[in-house]
Amino acid sequence: MCRSIKTLRPPALPHEATEEDVRAAALQYVRKVSGFRAPAAHNREVFERAVAEIAEATRELLAGIEVRGSTGRSAEGAV
């Protein structure tokens, strides 16, 4: 399952990760960890909350990560 999670930072991605990219990665992670491809009705809320929280953590990580030698947005603020 997790093999379909792709690297979401440059230079592995030719563009900035989209919301769809981030959510897809979070969903694959939650599926792998939980062992469920889709949650049962009684687990849907906690499953979706986990996807949302992991997606948010991923966005924060990508926004803060510095890729040395990159000409992308992370290197623009470097001195």
Protein backbone atom coordinates (compact mmCIF):
# COMPACT_ATOMS: atom_id res chain seq x y z
CA MET A 1 0.00 0.00 0.00
CA CYS A 2 2.57 2.61 1.04
CA ARG A 3 4.55 2.10 -2.13
CA SER A 4 2.10 4.49 -3.77
CA ILE A 5 3.08 7.34 -1.44
CA LYS A 6 5.38 9.53 -3.48
CA THR A 7 7.96 12.07 -2.39
CA LEU A 8 6.20 15.42 -2.22
CA ARG A 9 9.15 17.81 -2.21
CA PRO A 10 11.40 19.14 -4.95
CA PRO A 11 13.23 17.90 -6.89
CA ALA A 12 11.25 14.64 -6.80
CA LEU A 13 8.11 16.54 -7.75
CA PRO A 14 8.44 18.96 -10.67
CA HIS A 15 5.85 21.25 -9.04
CA GLU A 16 4.69 22.16 -5.55
CA ALA A 17 2.63 19.39 -3.94
CA THR A 18 -1.08 19.92 -4.45
CA GLU A 19 -3.75 19.44 -1.81
CA GLU A 20 -4.71 16.26 -3.69
CA ASP A 21 -1.11 14.97 -3.47
CA VAL A 22 -0.96 15.64 0.27
CA ARG A 23 -4.36 14.07 0.99
CA ALA A 24 -3.57 10.99 -1.11
CA ALA A 25 -0.33 10.43 0.82
CA ALA A 26 -2.12 10.89 4.16
CA LEU A 27 -4.86 8.48 3.13
CA GLN A 28 -2.34 5.81 2.10
CA TYR A 29 -0.54 6.21 5.42
CA VAL A 30 -3.75 5.83 7.45
CA ARG A 31 -4.76 2.81 5.36
CA LYS A 32 -1.40 1.16 5.99
CA VAL A 33 -1.31 1.86 9.71
CA SER A 34 -4.94 0.90 10.34
CA GLY A 35 -4.94 -2.12 8.06
CA PHE A 36 -8.20 -0.98 6.47
CA ARG A 37 -8.65 0.18 2.89
CA ALA A 38 -11.95 1.77 3.88
CA PRO A 39 -13.26 2.15 7.42
CA ALA A 40 -16.44 0.59 8.71
CA ALA A 41 -19.20 3.09 9.43
CA HIS A 42 -18.42 3.11 13.16
CA ASN A 43 -14.75 3.98 12.44
CA ARG A 44 -15.27 6.51 9.65
CA GLU A 45 -15.01 9.62 11.83
CA VAL A 46 -11.72 8.65 13.49
CA PHE A 47 -10.31 7.45 10.14
CA GLU A 48 -11.15 10.75 8.39
CA ARG A 49 -9.86 12.77 11.33
CA ALA A 50 -6.55 10.90 11.16
CA VAL A 51 -6.27 11.61 7.42
CA ALA A 52 -6.93 15.32 8.01
CA GLU A 53 -4.40 15.56 10.85
CA ILE A 54 -1.70 13.74 8.90
CA ALA A 55 -2.36 15.91 5.84
CA GLU A 56 -1.96 19.03 8.01
CA ALA A 57 1.29 17.73 9.50
CA THR A 58 2.52 16.98 5.98
CA ARG A 59 1.71 20.52 4.80
CA GLU A 60 3.60 21.94 7.80
CA LEU A 61 6.58 19.70 7.09
CA LEU A 62 6.71 20.65 3.42
CA ALA A 63 6.38 24.35 4.23
CA GLY A 64 9.24 24.24 6.71
CA ILE A 65 11.67 21.86 5.05
CA GLU A 66 14.83 23.32 3.51
CA VAL A 67 16.26 21.59 0.46
CA ARG A 68 19.89 22.64 0.12
CA GLY A 69 21.02 23.51 -3.35
CA SER A 70 17.45 23.99 -4.47
CA THR A 71 16.33 27.01 -6.44
CA GLY A 72 12.77 26.56 -5.14
CA ARG A 73 10.89 28.58 -2.53
CA SER A 74 12.91 27.15 0.38
CA ALA A 75 16.19 28.43 -1.04
CA GLU A 76 14.79 31.87 -1.89
CA GLY A 77 14.78 32.94 1.76
CA ALA A 78 18.25 31.55 2.46
CA VAL A 79 21.14 33.93 3.04
